[in-house]
Amino acid sequence: MIEHSKLDARYWRLTFNAAIASYMDAALIVSVGISLSSWQTHFNLDAWWTGALSTFLTISIGIGSFFGGRLSDIFGRIRVFNLDILFVAIGSILIALAPNTKTLILGLVIAGLASGADLPTSLAVISERIPPDHQGRVISSTQIFWTAGIIISQGIGFLVSGIGELGITILFLVVTVIALLTWLVRVFSRSFKTMEIDLAKEAKTKNDVQRNATSHAYPLSQLLTKTKYLLPLISLTLFYLFWNLPANTYGSFLNYYLVKAGGRSQAFSTVIAFTANIVSALVLYFIYMKFADGPRRYTMMHIGMILTIAALAISALGSSSWLIFTICYFVYACGNVLHGEPLYKIWSQELFPVNARATATGFSYAVVRTITAIFALATPAIMEASKSALLWTLVVCMCLSYITAIALLHFIRSHGLDSPSVQ
């Protein structure tokens, strides 16, 4: 295990606030997933319109990521960072109080755009200030907030599962309150703003080429033409895409699958997902974060990939059994935190200059979330036609993610692009 020097508490305070972006991303996706069957009944929607609601959110997150990441590199990461979270709150309250599908869609779009813009910006804010030998541990810790967004949303969903539409309102009001409180801290806390400035100044004084990048955004033309940046950007995007298609499908449609295809109750499906994600959060904290700044992060990647592929394949073989599906979901959830998004976040910050990280990550998020949104649109219809076809599709996606990860790892090692502690 890698021995870490004690990290200044200010870094963790900054990370806590910035990582709310990851919490919001997961909370919105999962809350929509929990709400789909209720909205389908309440608004009298068919399978395609049900899928469209998830698509509106996901594609908005993708668009927000692309423009938000680039704008934060151009106009300042802190400025965009502070504005994004306010619009998450506005969008969430529209969803919570939506009297019709038009208002619901408007809320999903606003919340998705703002949440998407906050994702690459928040990671860049953190990595810009964190010492290099702590990057893996701190960046991967944001995934705990992403998992917390799942767990808390599922927990609330379980508690309010018996009170119908009022429960859905409460679910999104909680998201609104957390977003609003985060915005108040970011904008009105003098001590927090002073801390941000101090950490930025300290980072610039260190003898690190990456940190001494100019304050101007890295030229987009160079980011898209230089081989040392373009190839990692393409590979990283493909790795995340093929990982995210299964992850988003489970996050958005797990409840829908167990209720509509498995014949289980809303309460049962919610508590299963809730429990599995608590276990996966413990795996992330006690295992992944301990090794994230060392070469064992790649041992965990291989283990995690094999577990998730096996879990998906067994689910596909036993697609008619909700019990097999449920057991495999536990294995999938635990294996999934040993690679995928935690590793993607680390790589996205290590492979690009400071003043290009938000742009690169935003581009990657945008491509991935847009394609995922299109897939989500068809997911309920595919599920109704053939559960096994859907699951085998996810198996293929995870295999492609694994292949891409291995190729990217080879590129990183051959070019010496890993952080010093991993090399």
Protein backbone atom coordinates (compact mmCIF):
# COMPACT_ATOMS: atom_id res chain seq x y z
CA MET A 1 0.00 0.00 0.00
CA ILE A 2 1.26 3.50 -0.84
CA GLU A 3 2.20 5.58 2.18
CA HIS A 4 0.73 9.07 1.98
CA SER A 5 1.87 12.21 3.75
CA LYS A 6 -0.95 13.89 5.58
CA LEU A 7 -2.92 16.14 3.26
CA ASP A 8 -3.82 19.64 4.41
CA ALA A 9 -7.47 19.74 5.51
CA ARG A 10 -8.07 22.67 3.17
CA TYR A 11 -7.69 20.36 0.17
CA TRP A 12 -10.37 18.04 1.53
CA ARG A 13 -12.68 20.97 2.22
CA LEU A 14 -12.30 22.17 -1.36
CA THR A 15 -12.78 18.63 -2.66
CA PHE A 16 -15.92 18.15 -0.57
CA ASN A 17 -17.54 21.24 -2.04
CA ALA A 18 -16.43 20.59 -5.62
CA ALA A 19 -17.37 16.91 -5.49
CA ILE A 20 -21.01 17.90 -5.00
CA ALA A 21 -21.00 18.09 -8.81
CA SER A 22 -20.50 14.32 -8.91
CA TYR A 23 -23.22 13.91 -6.29
CA MET A 24 -25.65 15.97 -8.37
CA ASP A 25 -24.88 14.02 -11.53
CA ALA A 26 -25.69 10.69 -9.88
CA ALA A 27 -28.59 12.01 -7.80
CA LEU A 28 -30.35 13.44 -10.83
CA ILE A 29 -29.85 10.32 -12.97
CA VAL A 30 -30.94 7.92 -10.22
CA SER A 31 -33.85 10.10 -9.06
CA VAL A 32 -35.15 10.18 -12.61
CA GLY A 33 -34.72 6.41 -12.79
CA ILE A 34 -36.70 5.95 -9.58
CA SER A 35 -39.41 8.28 -10.87
CA LEU A 36 -39.89 6.80 -14.35
CA SER A 37 -42.52 4.20 -13.51
CA SER A 38 -44.44 6.77 -11.44
CA TRP A 39 -44.24 9.42 -14.16
CA GLN A 40 -45.28 6.86 -16.76
CA THR A 41 -48.51 6.27 -14.84
CA HIS A 42 -49.09 9.87 -13.67
CA PHE A 43 -48.54 11.49 -17.09
CA ASN A 44 -49.87 8.50 -19.09
CA LEU A 45 -46.66 7.96 -21.07
CA ASP A 46 -45.80 5.08 -23.41
CA ALA A 47 -42.43 3.25 -23.34
CA TRP A 48 -40.77 5.62 -25.81
CA TRP A 49 -41.78 8.77 -23.93
CA THR A 50 -40.66 7.15 -20.70
CA GLY A 51 -37.22 6.61 -22.23
CA ALA A 52 -37.28 10.13 -23.62
CA LEU A 53 -37.42 11.65 -20.13
CA SER A 54 -34.15 9.99 -19.20
CA THR A 55 -32.75 11.01 -22.58
CA PHE A 56 -33.58 14.69 -22.05
CA LEU A 57 -31.59 14.68 -18.82
CA THR A 58 -28.62 12.69 -20.14
CA ILE A 59 -28.21 14.62 -23.38
CA SER A 60 -28.48 17.90 -21.46
CA ILE A 61 -25.69 16.74 -19.15
CA GLY A 62 -23.59 15.99 -22.22
CA ILE A 63 -24.19 19.39 -23.83
CA GLY A 64 -23.58 21.16 -20.53
CA SER A 65 -20.31 19.29 -20.07
CA PHE A 66 -18.92 20.34 -23.44
CA PHE A 67 -19.78 24.02 -23.24
CA GLY A 68 -19.28 24.30 -19.47
CA GLY A 69 -15.81 22.75 -19.62
CA ARG A 70 -14.64 25.04 -22.42
CA LEU A 71 -16.22 28.15 -20.90
CA SER A 72 -14.55 27.48 -17.56
CA ASP A 73 -11.12 27.30 -19.25
CA ILE A 74 -11.85 30.55 -21.10
CA PHE A 75 -13.62 32.67 -18.46
CA GLY A 76 -12.35 31.09 -15.26
CA ARG A 77 -13.09 27.82 -13.54
CA ILE A 78 -14.26 29.36 -10.27
CA ARG A 79 -16.71 31.72 -11.99
CA VAL A 80 -18.39 28.93 -13.96
CA PHE A 81 -18.06 26.58 -10.97
CA ASN A 82 -20.16 28.92 -8.81
CA LEU A 83 -22.85 29.61 -11.38
CA ASP A 84 -23.52 26.01 -12.41
CA ILE A 85 -24.81 24.78 -9.08
CA LEU A 86 -27.43 27.57 -8.84
CA PHE A 87 -29.05 26.39 -12.06
CA VAL A 88 -29.01 22.80 -10.81
CA ALA A 89 -31.20 24.03 -7.94
CA ILE A 90 -33.53 25.89 -10.33
CA GLY A 91 -33.93 22.89 -12.61
CA SER A 92 -34.47 20.49 -9.71
CA ILE A 93 -37.29 22.52 -8.17
CA LEU A 94 -39.02 22.67 -11.56
CA ILE A 95 -38.86 18.87 -11.73
CA ALA A 96 -40.13 18.55 -8.16
CA LEU A 97 -43.16 20.78 -8.73
CA ALA A 98 -43.86 19.98 -12.41
CA PRO A 99 -47.63 20.04 -13.07
CA ASN A 100 -47.22 18.69 -16.62
CA THR A 101 -44.70 17.06 -18.96
CA LYS A 102 -43.58 20.38 -20.48
CA THR A 103 -42.46 21.75 -17.13
CA LEU A 104 -40.91 18.42 -16.25
CA ILE A 105 -38.86 18.41 -19.47
CA LEU A 106 -37.81 22.05 -18.91
CA GLY A 107 -36.57 21.18 -15.43
CA LEU A 108 -34.69 18.13 -16.70
CA VAL A 109 -32.97 20.20 -19.39
CA ILE A 110 -31.95 23.04 -17.04
CA ALA A 111 -30.72 20.72 -14.30
CA GLY A 112 -28.91 18.54 -16.84
CA LEU A 113 -27.13 21.44 -18.56
CA ALA A 114 -25.98 22.92 -15.25
CA SER A 115 -24.95 19.60 -13.73
CA GLY A 116 -23.04 18.69 -16.87
CA ALA A 117 -21.18 22.00 -16.88
CA ASP A 118 -20.20 21.51 -13.23
CA LEU A 119 -18.64 18.07 -13.75
CA PRO A 120 -15.49 18.93 -15.78
CA THR A 121 -15.16 22.30 -14.08
CA SER A 122 -15.16 20.87 -10.57
CA LEU A 123 -12.54 18.22 -11.41
CA ALA A 124 -10.27 20.89 -12.93
CA VAL A 125 -10.70 23.11 -9.86
CA ILE A 126 -9.58 20.23 -7.63
CA SER A 127 -6.69 18.90 -9.74
CA GLU A 128 -5.33 22.40 -10.32
CA ARG A 129 -4.66 22.70 -6.59
CA ILE A 130 -3.92 19.17 -5.37
CA PRO A 131 -0.26 18.00 -4.99
CA PRO A 132 0.64 15.43 -7.71
CA ASP A 133 1.33 12.56 -5.30
CA HIS A 134 -2.22 12.85 -3.92
CA GLN A 135 -4.04 13.26 -7.25
CA GLY A 136 -5.33 9.69 -7.54
CA ARG A 137 -6.64 9.48 -3.99
CA VAL A 138 -8.32 12.89 -4.01
CA ILE A 139 -9.76 12.72 -7.53
CA SER A 140 -11.10 9.20 -6.95
CA SER A 141 -12.68 10.40 -3.69
CA THR A 142 -15.13 12.42 -5.80
CA GLN A 143 -16.53 9.06 -6.85
CA ILE A 144 -17.68 8.55 -3.26
CA PHE A 145 -19.92 11.57 -3.75
CA TRP A 146 -21.18 10.09 -7.02
CA THR A 147 -21.95 6.86 -5.15
CA ALA A 148 -23.49 8.88 -2.31
CA GLY A 149 -25.78 10.52 -4.85
CA ILE A 150 -26.97 7.05 -5.81
CA ILE A 151 -27.30 5.76 -2.24
CA ILE A 152 -29.04 8.79 -0.77
CA SER A 153 -31.44 9.06 -3.70
CA GLN A 154 -32.25 5.37 -3.49
CA GLY A 155 -32.68 5.61 0.29
CA ILE A 156 -35.07 8.52 -0.02
CA GLY A 157 -36.83 6.74 -2.88
CA PHE A 158 -37.37 3.72 -0.64
CA LEU A 159 -38.69 5.82 2.25
CA VAL A 160 -41.19 7.67 0.07
CA SER A 161 -42.08 4.75 -2.23
CA GLY A 162 -45.50 4.36 -0.66
CA ILE A 163 -46.76 7.93 -1.05
CA GLY A 164 -46.90 8.24 -4.84
CA GLU A 165 -46.25 11.58 -6.54
CA LEU A 166 -45.59 13.35 -3.24
CA GLY A 167 -42.62 11.02 -2.79
CA ILE A 168 -41.19 12.07 -6.17
CA THR A 169 -41.60 15.72 -5.17
CA ILE A 170 -39.68 15.13 -1.94
CA LEU A 171 -36.95 13.28 -3.84
CA PHE A 172 -36.19 16.28 -6.05
CA LEU A 173 -36.69 18.87 -3.31
CA VAL A 174 -33.80 17.22 -1.46
CA VAL A 175 -31.62 17.67 -4.58
CA THR A 176 -32.72 21.31 -4.73
CA VAL A 177 -31.79 22.00 -1.10
CA ILE A 178 -28.33 20.39 -1.39
CA ALA A 179 -27.59 22.33 -4.59
CA LEU A 180 -28.74 25.61 -3.03
CA LEU A 181 -26.69 25.12 0.14
CA THR A 182 -23.60 24.34 -1.94
CA TRP A 183 -24.13 27.50 -3.98
CA LEU A 184 -24.45 29.61 -0.84
CA VAL A 185 -21.14 28.28 0.48
CA ARG A 186 -19.38 28.79 -2.86
CA VAL A 187 -20.58 32.36 -3.29
CA PHE A 188 -21.07 33.84 0.19
CA SER A 189 -18.54 32.08 2.44
CA ARG A 190 -15.56 34.42 2.78
CA SER A 191 -13.41 31.74 4.38
CA PHE A 192 -14.12 29.33 1.52
CA LYS A 193 -13.32 31.94 -1.14
CA THR A 194 -10.09 32.89 0.65
CA MET A 195 -9.12 29.24 0.84
CA GLU A 196 -9.68 28.77 -2.91
CA ILE A 197 -7.46 31.75 -3.70
CA ASP A 198 -4.72 30.69 -1.29
CA LEU A 199 -4.57 27.13 -2.65
CA ALA A 200 -4.41 28.43 -6.22
CA LYS A 201 -1.50 30.74 -5.34
CA GLU A 202 0.34 27.95 -3.56
CA ALA A 203 -0.08 25.64 -6.53
CA LYS A 204 1.36 28.24 -8.93
CA THR A 205 4.52 28.66 -6.83
CA LYS A 206 5.42 24.96 -7.08
CA ASN A 207 7.95 23.84 -9.67
CA ASP A 208 5.52 21.88 -11.79
CA VAL A 209 5.15 22.57 -15.51
CA GLN A 210 1.58 21.36 -15.52
CA ARG A 211 0.60 23.81 -12.81
CA ASN A 212 2.50 26.71 -14.31
CA ALA A 213 0.33 26.74 -17.39
CA THR A 214 -0.93 30.14 -18.43
CA SER A 215 -4.32 31.34 -17.23
CA HIS A 216 -5.54 31.33 -20.83
CA ALA A 217 -7.44 28.38 -22.18
CA TYR A 218 -5.29 25.88 -24.06
CA PRO A 219 -5.88 26.29 -27.84
CA LEU A 220 -8.60 23.90 -28.91
CA SER A 221 -6.91 23.38 -32.28
CA GLN A 222 -3.77 22.06 -30.58
CA LEU A 223 -5.74 19.85 -28.23
CA LEU A 224 -7.41 18.23 -31.24
CA THR A 225 -4.29 17.94 -33.43
CA LYS A 226 -1.35 17.11 -31.14
CA THR A 227 -0.95 13.34 -31.00
CA LYS A 228 0.05 13.33 -27.33
CA TYR A 229 -3.32 14.86 -26.45
CA LEU A 230 -5.61 13.71 -29.27
CA LEU A 231 -4.97 9.98 -28.91
CA PRO A 232 -5.53 9.96 -25.14
CA LEU A 233 -8.65 12.07 -25.63
CA ILE A 234 -10.13 9.63 -28.16
CA SER A 235 -9.12 6.55 -26.16
CA LEU A 236 -10.37 8.03 -22.89
CA THR A 237 -13.70 8.92 -24.47
CA LEU A 238 -14.17 5.40 -25.87
CA PHE A 239 -13.16 3.80 -22.58
CA TYR A 240 -15.68 5.93 -20.69
CA LEU A 241 -18.40 5.50 -23.31
CA PHE A 242 -18.38 1.69 -23.27
CA TRP A 243 -18.19 1.70 -19.46
CA ASN A 244 -20.95 4.29 -19.10
CA LEU A 245 -23.54 2.57 -21.29
CA PRO A 246 -24.01 -0.30 -18.78
CA ALA A 247 -23.54 2.01 -15.78
CA ASN A 248 -26.15 4.50 -16.97
CA THR A 249 -28.55 1.71 -17.91
CA TYR A 250 -28.38 0.30 -14.38
CA GLY A 251 -28.53 3.76 -12.81
CA SER A 252 -31.52 4.87 -14.85
CA PHE A 253 -33.43 1.63 -15.37
CA LEU A 254 -32.62 -0.76 -12.51
CA ASN A 255 -35.87 0.02 -10.72
CA TYR A 256 -37.78 0.02 -13.98
CA TYR A 257 -36.27 -3.38 -14.91
CA LEU A 258 -37.11 -5.06 -11.62
CA VAL A 259 -40.62 -3.58 -11.48
CA LYS A 260 -41.68 -3.95 -15.11
CA ALA A 261 -39.63 -6.96 -16.24
CA GLY A 262 -38.99 -8.76 -12.95
CA GLY A 263 -42.38 -8.27 -11.34
CA ARG A 264 -40.86 -6.96 -8.10
CA SER A 265 -42.25 -4.08 -6.06
CA GLN A 266 -40.87 -0.53 -6.20
CA ALA A 267 -39.79 -0.85 -2.56
CA PHE A 268 -37.94 -4.12 -3.21
CA SER A 269 -36.05 -2.83 -6.23
CA THR A 270 -35.07 0.37 -4.44
CA VAL A 271 -33.72 -1.38 -1.35
CA ILE A 272 -31.70 -3.84 -3.49
CA ALA A 273 -30.00 -1.03 -5.35
CA PHE A 274 -29.53 0.93 -2.12
CA THR A 275 -27.80 -1.97 -0.35
CA ALA A 276 -25.59 -2.88 -3.31
CA ASN A 277 -24.36 0.67 -3.62
CA ILE A 278 -23.53 0.95 0.07
CA VAL A 279 -21.33 -2.11 -0.31
CA SER A 280 -19.71 -0.66 -3.44
CA ALA A 281 -19.03 2.63 -1.65
CA LEU A 282 -17.19 0.72 1.08
CA VAL A 283 -15.13 -1.08 -1.58
CA LEU A 284 -14.29 2.28 -3.16
CA TYR A 285 -13.24 3.87 0.12
CA PHE A 286 -11.41 1.01 1.81
CA ILE A 287 -9.80 -0.55 -1.27
CA TYR A 288 -9.65 1.69 -4.33
CA MET A 289 -8.63 4.92 -2.61
CA LYS A 290 -5.85 3.13 -0.73
CA PHE A 291 -4.14 2.14 -3.97
CA ALA A 292 -5.24 4.91 -6.37
CA ASP A 293 -1.84 6.64 -6.30
CA GLY A 294 0.19 3.50 -6.96
CA PRO A 295 0.66 0.85 -9.66
CA ARG A 296 -1.94 -1.39 -8.00
CA ARG A 297 -4.64 0.85 -9.42
CA TYR A 298 -4.23 -1.17 -12.63
CA THR A 299 -4.41 -4.51 -10.82
CA MET A 300 -7.76 -3.30 -9.48
CA MET A 301 -8.78 -2.27 -12.99
CA HIS A 302 -8.28 -5.80 -14.32
CA ILE A 303 -10.09 -7.40 -11.37
CA GLY A 304 -12.99 -4.98 -11.65
CA MET A 305 -13.38 -5.43 -15.39
CA ILE A 306 -13.42 -9.23 -15.12
CA LEU A 307 -16.01 -9.13 -12.32
CA THR A 308 -18.35 -6.76 -14.15
CA ILE A 309 -18.14 -8.65 -17.45
CA ALA A 310 -18.83 -11.95 -15.66
CA ALA A 311 -21.76 -10.45 -13.72
CA LEU A 312 -23.36 -9.04 -16.88
CA ALA A 313 -22.85 -12.28 -18.81
CA ILE A 314 -24.43 -14.42 -16.07
CA SER A 315 -27.33 -11.95 -15.86
CA ALA A 316 -27.85 -12.34 -19.61
CA LEU A 317 -27.78 -16.13 -19.38
CA GLY A 318 -30.31 -16.05 -16.55
CA SER A 319 -32.32 -13.06 -17.75
CA SER A 320 -35.63 -14.75 -16.91
CA SER A 321 -34.70 -14.91 -13.21
CA TRP A 322 -34.95 -11.76 -11.13
CA LEU A 323 -32.95 -13.52 -8.38
CA ILE A 324 -29.95 -14.19 -10.64
CA PHE A 325 -30.17 -10.64 -11.94
CA THR A 326 -30.23 -9.26 -8.38
CA ILE A 327 -27.21 -11.28 -7.18
CA CYS A 328 -25.23 -10.33 -10.27
CA TYR A 329 -26.07 -6.69 -9.72
CA PHE A 330 -24.29 -6.83 -6.34
CA VAL A 331 -21.18 -8.26 -8.01
CA TYR A 332 -21.40 -5.71 -10.83
CA ALA A 333 -21.77 -2.78 -8.42
CA CYS A 334 -18.71 -3.79 -6.37
CA GLY A 335 -16.50 -4.52 -9.37
CA ASN A 336 -17.55 -1.35 -11.13
CA VAL A 337 -15.88 0.98 -8.60
CA LEU A 338 -12.47 -0.63 -9.24
CA HIS A 339 -12.28 0.87 -12.73
CA GLY A 340 -14.60 2.97 -14.89
CA GLU A 341 -15.42 6.42 -13.61
CA PRO A 342 -12.83 6.59 -10.79
CA LEU A 343 -10.05 5.68 -13.22
CA TYR A 344 -11.52 7.90 -15.94
CA LYS A 345 -11.46 10.90 -13.60
CA ILE A 346 -7.83 10.28 -12.65
CA TRP A 347 -6.71 9.83 -16.24
CA SER A 348 -8.66 12.89 -17.40
CA GLN A 349 -6.64 15.07 -15.01
CA GLU A 350 -3.24 13.43 -15.53
CA LEU A 351 -3.16 13.40 -19.32
CA PHE A 352 -3.84 17.06 -20.12
CA PRO A 353 -2.46 20.50 -19.19
CA VAL A 354 -4.20 22.36 -16.35
CA ASN A 355 -5.74 24.92 -18.72
CA ALA A 356 -7.11 22.18 -21.01
CA ARG A 357 -8.48 19.70 -18.47
CA ALA A 358 -11.99 21.11 -18.24
CA THR A 359 -12.20 21.38 -22.04
CA ALA A 360 -10.92 17.83 -22.60
CA THR A 361 -13.11 16.33 -19.88
CA GLY A 362 -16.10 18.36 -21.06
CA PHE A 363 -15.63 17.11 -24.63
CA SER A 364 -15.39 13.53 -23.40
CA TYR A 365 -18.44 13.85 -21.15
CA ALA A 366 -20.42 15.45 -23.96
CA VAL A 367 -19.76 12.68 -26.47
CA VAL A 368 -20.39 9.94 -23.95
CA ARG A 369 -23.55 11.38 -22.42
CA THR A 370 -25.05 12.18 -25.83
CA ILE A 371 -24.58 8.64 -27.12
CA THR A 372 -25.77 7.27 -23.78
CA ALA A 373 -28.87 9.45 -24.03
CA ILE A 374 -29.71 8.00 -27.44
CA PHE A 375 -29.27 4.49 -26.07
CA ALA A 376 -31.43 5.32 -23.03
CA LEU A 377 -34.23 6.46 -25.34
CA ALA A 378 -34.51 2.94 -26.75
CA THR A 379 -33.75 1.01 -23.55
CA PRO A 380 -37.34 0.52 -22.27
CA ALA A 381 -38.45 -0.69 -25.70
CA ILE A 382 -35.47 -3.08 -26.00
CA MET A 383 -36.21 -4.35 -22.49
CA GLU A 384 -39.82 -5.06 -23.38
CA ALA A 385 -38.79 -6.90 -26.56
CA SER A 386 -35.96 -8.97 -25.02
CA LYS A 387 -34.33 -8.69 -21.61
CA SER A 388 -31.46 -10.96 -22.66
CA ALA A 389 -30.74 -8.88 -25.78
CA LEU A 390 -30.34 -5.79 -23.63
CA LEU A 391 -28.02 -7.56 -21.18
CA TRP A 392 -25.85 -9.10 -23.92
CA THR A 393 -25.49 -5.65 -25.45
CA LEU A 394 -24.15 -4.43 -22.11
CA VAL A 395 -21.71 -7.37 -22.00
CA VAL A 396 -20.31 -6.35 -25.39
CA CYS A 397 -19.98 -2.74 -24.20
CA MET A 398 -18.03 -3.75 -21.11
CA CYS A 399 -15.68 -5.95 -23.15
CA LEU A 400 -14.99 -3.02 -25.49
CA SER A 401 -14.33 -0.80 -22.47
CA TYR A 402 -11.77 -3.31 -21.20
CA ILE A 403 -10.01 -3.53 -24.56
CA THR A 404 -9.86 0.27 -24.82
CA ALA A 405 -8.53 0.58 -21.26
CA ILE A 406 -5.70 -1.83 -22.02
CA ALA A 407 -4.81 0.10 -25.20
CA LEU A 408 -4.87 3.41 -23.32
CA LEU A 409 -2.74 1.98 -20.52
CA HIS A 410 -0.16 0.86 -23.10
CA PHE A 411 -0.10 4.38 -24.57
CA ILE A 412 0.28 5.96 -21.14
CA ARG A 413 3.17 3.71 -20.14
CA SER A 414 4.97 4.00 -23.47
CA HIS A 415 4.84 7.81 -23.23
CA GLY A 416 5.52 8.09 -19.49
CA LEU A 417 2.26 9.94 -18.88
CA ASP A 418 1.32 8.39 -15.52
CA SER A 419 1.86 10.35 -12.32
CA PRO A 420 5.32 9.76 -10.78
CA SER A 421 3.91 7.66 -7.92
CA VAL A 422 2.39 5.17 -10.39
CA GLN A 423 5.39 4.85 -12.70
